[in-house]
Amino acid sequence: MTSFRKSVLRVVRGIPEGDTRTYKEVAIAAGNPKAARAVGAILKTNYDPTIPCHRVVKSDGTLGGYNRGVGTKRKLLDEESRLKQ
């Protein structure tokens, strides 16, 4: 596993329940501001349920992809949003 991949997964694991970050924000926090697409590729191949990939969205506010389906991503974000209130 590359150090950038480890950094991305660490950053995503730290996103609080009910919050989101953009792919770009994750790339910046992981140490490579120009690697937003790489963040997407890394998250696309992550199947570790302890890493909340569903909390990462596109800069324009749309959901972006999710390896368990966009419908599942929306459902998880909606559930977390309700829990946070």
N, C-alpha and C. Protein backbone atom coordinates (compact mmCIF):
# COMPACT_ATOMS: atom_id res chain seq x y z
N MET A 1 0.85 -1.17 0.00
CA MET A 1 0.00 0.00 0.00
C MET A 1 0.90 1.24 0.00
N THR A 2 0.62 2.17 -0.90
CA THR A 2 1.43 3.38 -0.97
C THR A 2 1.16 4.29 0.22
N SER A 3 2.10 5.17 0.48
CA SER A 3 1.92 6.09 1.60
C SER A 3 0.77 7.06 1.32
N PHE A 4 0.58 7.45 0.04
CA PHE A 4 -0.53 8.34 -0.28
C PHE A 4 -1.85 7.63 -0.01
N ARG A 5 -1.96 6.38 -0.41
CA ARG A 5 -3.19 5.61 -0.16
C ARG A 5 -3.46 5.52 1.35
N LYS A 6 -2.42 5.23 2.12
CA LYS A 6 -2.58 5.16 3.58
C LYS A 6 -3.07 6.50 4.12
N SER A 7 -2.50 7.59 3.60
CA SER A 7 -2.91 8.92 4.06
C SER A 7 -4.36 9.21 3.72
N VAL A 8 -4.77 8.84 2.51
CA VAL A 8 -6.17 9.05 2.09
C VAL A 8 -7.11 8.29 3.02
N LEU A 9 -6.81 7.04 3.26
CA LEU A 9 -7.69 6.23 4.12
C LEU A 9 -7.72 6.76 5.54
N ARG A 10 -6.59 7.25 6.03
CA ARG A 10 -6.55 7.85 7.38
C ARG A 10 -7.42 9.10 7.43
N VAL A 11 -7.31 9.96 6.41
CA VAL A 11 -8.10 11.19 6.36
C VAL A 11 -9.59 10.86 6.32
N VAL A 12 -9.97 9.92 5.46
CA VAL A 12 -11.38 9.57 5.32
C VAL A 12 -11.91 8.93 6.60
N ARG A 13 -11.11 8.11 7.23
CA ARG A 13 -11.53 7.49 8.49
C ARG A 13 -11.82 8.56 9.54
N GLY A 14 -11.17 9.71 9.44
CA GLY A 14 -11.35 10.79 10.41
C GLY A 14 -12.51 11.73 10.13
N ILE A 15 -13.24 11.53 9.04
CA ILE A 15 -14.39 12.40 8.75
C ILE A 15 -15.50 12.04 9.73
N PRO A 16 -15.95 13.01 10.51
CA PRO A 16 -16.99 12.72 11.51
C PRO A 16 -18.32 12.29 10.89
N GLU A 17 -19.04 11.46 11.59
CA GLU A 17 -20.37 11.03 11.16
C GLU A 17 -21.25 12.25 10.94
N GLY A 18 -21.95 12.26 9.82
CA GLY A 18 -22.83 13.38 9.50
C GLY A 18 -22.16 14.49 8.72
N ASP A 19 -20.84 14.43 8.55
CA ASP A 19 -20.09 15.42 7.78
C ASP A 19 -19.64 14.82 6.46
N THR A 20 -19.25 15.69 5.54
CA THR A 20 -18.68 15.24 4.28
C THR A 20 -17.43 16.06 3.98
N ARG A 21 -16.62 15.54 3.10
CA ARG A 21 -15.46 16.25 2.56
C ARG A 21 -15.47 16.01 1.06
N THR A 22 -14.87 16.92 0.32
CA THR A 22 -14.77 16.70 -1.12
C THR A 22 -13.52 15.88 -1.41
N TYR A 23 -13.50 15.31 -2.61
CA TYR A 23 -12.32 14.55 -3.03
C TYR A 23 -11.09 15.45 -2.97
N LYS A 24 -11.25 16.72 -3.36
CA LYS A 24 -10.14 17.67 -3.32
C LYS A 24 -9.68 17.93 -1.88
N GLU A 25 -10.62 18.12 -0.97
CA GLU A 25 -10.25 18.34 0.43
C GLU A 25 -9.49 17.15 0.99
N VAL A 26 -9.91 15.95 0.63
CA VAL A 26 -9.20 14.75 1.09
C VAL A 26 -7.80 14.72 0.49
N ALA A 27 -7.68 15.05 -0.80
CA ALA A 27 -6.36 15.06 -1.45
C ALA A 27 -5.43 16.05 -0.77
N ILE A 28 -5.93 17.23 -0.46
CA ILE A 28 -5.12 18.25 0.23
C ILE A 28 -4.68 17.74 1.60
N ALA A 29 -5.62 17.22 2.36
CA ALA A 29 -5.31 16.73 3.70
C ALA A 29 -4.35 15.54 3.67
N ALA A 30 -4.38 14.78 2.58
CA ALA A 30 -3.50 13.61 2.45
C ALA A 30 -2.13 14.00 1.89
N GLY A 31 -1.96 15.26 1.53
CA GLY A 31 -0.65 15.74 1.12
C GLY A 31 -0.41 15.95 -0.36
N ASN A 32 -1.45 15.81 -1.19
CA ASN A 32 -1.27 16.02 -2.63
C ASN A 32 -2.49 16.75 -3.19
N PRO A 33 -2.46 18.08 -3.19
CA PRO A 33 -3.63 18.87 -3.59
C PRO A 33 -4.13 18.62 -5.01
N LYS A 34 -3.29 18.07 -5.86
CA LYS A 34 -3.69 17.84 -7.25
C LYS A 34 -4.18 16.42 -7.51
N ALA A 35 -4.41 15.65 -6.47
CA ALA A 35 -4.71 14.23 -6.61
C ALA A 35 -6.16 13.86 -6.29
N ALA A 36 -7.10 14.76 -6.57
CA ALA A 36 -8.51 14.46 -6.26
C ALA A 36 -8.99 13.22 -7.01
N ARG A 37 -8.58 13.07 -8.27
CA ARG A 37 -8.99 11.88 -9.03
C ARG A 37 -8.38 10.61 -8.45
N ALA A 38 -7.15 10.71 -7.98
CA ALA A 38 -6.51 9.55 -7.35
C ALA A 38 -7.26 9.16 -6.09
N VAL A 39 -7.76 10.14 -5.35
CA VAL A 39 -8.56 9.85 -4.16
C VAL A 39 -9.79 9.03 -4.56
N GLY A 40 -10.45 9.45 -5.63
CA GLY A 40 -11.61 8.70 -6.11
C GLY A 40 -11.26 7.27 -6.47
N ALA A 41 -10.12 7.09 -7.14
CA ALA A 41 -9.69 5.74 -7.53
C ALA A 41 -9.38 4.89 -6.31
N ILE A 42 -8.77 5.48 -5.30
CA ILE A 42 -8.45 4.76 -4.07
C ILE A 42 -9.73 4.33 -3.36
N LEU A 43 -10.67 5.25 -3.25
CA LEU A 43 -11.91 4.94 -2.54
C LEU A 43 -12.77 3.94 -3.30
N LYS A 44 -12.68 3.97 -4.61
CA LYS A 44 -13.45 3.03 -5.43
C LYS A 44 -13.07 1.58 -5.13
N THR A 45 -11.83 1.37 -4.72
CA THR A 45 -11.35 0.01 -4.46
C THR A 45 -11.32 -0.33 -2.98
N ASN A 46 -11.84 0.53 -2.15
CA ASN A 46 -11.87 0.27 -0.71
C ASN A 46 -13.14 -0.46 -0.32
N TYR A 47 -12.99 -1.58 0.35
CA TYR A 47 -14.17 -2.32 0.84
C TYR A 47 -14.13 -2.50 2.36
N ASP A 48 -13.28 -1.75 3.02
CA ASP A 48 -13.18 -1.80 4.47
C ASP A 48 -14.32 -0.97 5.07
N PRO A 49 -15.26 -1.59 5.76
CA PRO A 49 -16.41 -0.85 6.28
C PRO A 49 -16.05 0.16 7.38
N THR A 50 -14.84 0.10 7.92
CA THR A 50 -14.45 1.07 8.95
C THR A 50 -13.98 2.39 8.33
N ILE A 51 -13.87 2.43 7.02
CA ILE A 51 -13.47 3.65 6.32
C ILE A 51 -14.71 4.19 5.60
N PRO A 52 -15.26 5.31 6.08
CA PRO A 52 -16.55 5.81 5.58
C PRO A 52 -16.43 6.56 4.25
N CYS A 53 -16.15 5.83 3.19
CA CYS A 53 -15.98 6.43 1.86
C CYS A 53 -17.21 7.21 1.41
N HIS A 54 -18.37 6.84 1.92
CA HIS A 54 -19.60 7.52 1.51
C HIS A 54 -19.62 8.98 1.93
N ARG A 55 -18.72 9.39 2.80
CA ARG A 55 -18.68 10.78 3.27
C ARG A 55 -17.86 11.68 2.36
N VAL A 56 -17.37 11.16 1.26
CA VAL A 56 -16.58 11.95 0.31
C VAL A 56 -17.44 12.22 -0.92
N VAL A 57 -17.58 13.51 -1.25
CA VAL A 57 -18.45 13.94 -2.35
C VAL A 57 -17.67 14.82 -3.32
N LYS A 58 -18.30 15.13 -4.44
CA LYS A 58 -17.68 15.98 -5.45
C LYS A 58 -17.71 17.44 -5.01
N SER A 59 -16.82 18.24 -5.58
CA SER A 59 -16.73 19.67 -5.23
C SER A 59 -18.01 20.44 -5.55
N ASP A 60 -18.77 19.97 -6.54
CA ASP A 60 -20.00 20.67 -6.89
C ASP A 60 -21.19 20.27 -5.99
N GLY A 61 -20.92 19.43 -5.01
CA GLY A 61 -21.96 19.03 -4.06
C GLY A 61 -22.70 17.76 -4.43
N THR A 62 -22.49 17.26 -5.65
CA THR A 62 -23.13 16.01 -6.03
C THR A 62 -22.39 14.85 -5.38
N LEU A 63 -23.03 13.70 -5.35
CA LEU A 63 -22.49 12.58 -4.60
C LEU A 63 -21.21 11.98 -5.17
N GLY A 64 -21.12 11.88 -6.48
CA GLY A 64 -20.00 11.14 -7.05
C GLY A 64 -20.28 9.66 -6.94
N GLY A 65 -19.29 8.85 -7.21
CA GLY A 65 -19.48 7.40 -7.20
C GLY A 65 -19.37 6.80 -5.81
N TYR A 66 -19.66 5.52 -5.76
CA TYR A 66 -19.55 4.76 -4.51
C TYR A 66 -19.54 3.30 -4.89
N ASN A 67 -18.59 2.55 -4.37
CA ASN A 67 -18.44 1.15 -4.79
C ASN A 67 -19.57 0.24 -4.31
N ARG A 68 -20.42 0.73 -3.46
CA ARG A 68 -21.57 -0.06 -3.02
C ARG A 68 -22.88 0.48 -3.62
N GLY A 69 -22.75 1.42 -4.57
CA GLY A 69 -23.90 2.01 -5.25
C GLY A 69 -24.23 3.38 -4.71
N VAL A 70 -24.58 4.28 -5.62
CA VAL A 70 -24.89 5.65 -5.23
C VAL A 70 -26.12 5.72 -4.35
N GLY A 71 -27.08 4.83 -4.58
CA GLY A 71 -28.27 4.79 -3.72
C GLY A 71 -27.91 4.48 -2.28
N THR A 72 -26.97 3.58 -2.09
CA THR A 72 -26.51 3.24 -0.74
C THR A 72 -25.78 4.43 -0.12
N LYS A 73 -24.99 5.13 -0.94
CA LYS A 73 -24.27 6.31 -0.45
C LYS A 73 -25.27 7.35 0.05
N ARG A 74 -26.30 7.64 -0.74
CA ARG A 74 -27.32 8.62 -0.34
C ARG A 74 -28.02 8.18 0.94
N LYS A 75 -28.35 6.91 1.03
CA LYS A 75 -29.05 6.38 2.21
C LYS A 75 -28.18 6.54 3.46
N LEU A 76 -26.91 6.20 3.36
CA LEU A 76 -26.01 6.33 4.52
C LEU A 76 -25.87 7.78 4.95
N LEU A 77 -25.70 8.69 3.98
CA LEU A 77 -25.57 10.11 4.32
C LEU A 77 -26.85 10.65 4.93
N ASP A 78 -28.00 10.24 4.40
CA ASP A 78 -29.28 10.68 4.97
C ASP A 78 -29.45 10.18 6.40
N GLU A 79 -29.11 8.92 6.65
CA GLU A 79 -29.21 8.35 8.01
C GLU A 79 -28.31 9.10 8.98
N GLU A 80 -27.07 9.37 8.56
CA GLU A 80 -26.14 10.08 9.44
C GLU A 80 -26.60 11.50 9.70
N SER A 81 -27.17 12.12 8.69
CA SER A 81 -27.67 13.49 8.85
C SER A 81 -28.79 13.53 9.88
N ARG A 82 -29.68 12.55 9.83
CA ARG A 82 -30.78 12.49 10.79
C ARG A 82 -30.25 12.24 12.20
N LEU A 83 -29.25 11.39 12.30
CA LEU A 83 -28.69 11.08 13.62
C LEU A 83 -28.00 12.28 14.24
N LYS A 84 -27.41 13.12 13.39
CA LYS A 84 -26.66 14.28 13.87
C LYS A 84 -27.59 15.37 14.43
N GLN A 85 -28.81 15.41 13.93
CA GLN A 85 -29.74 16.48 14.33
C GLN A 85 -30.24 16.31 15.73
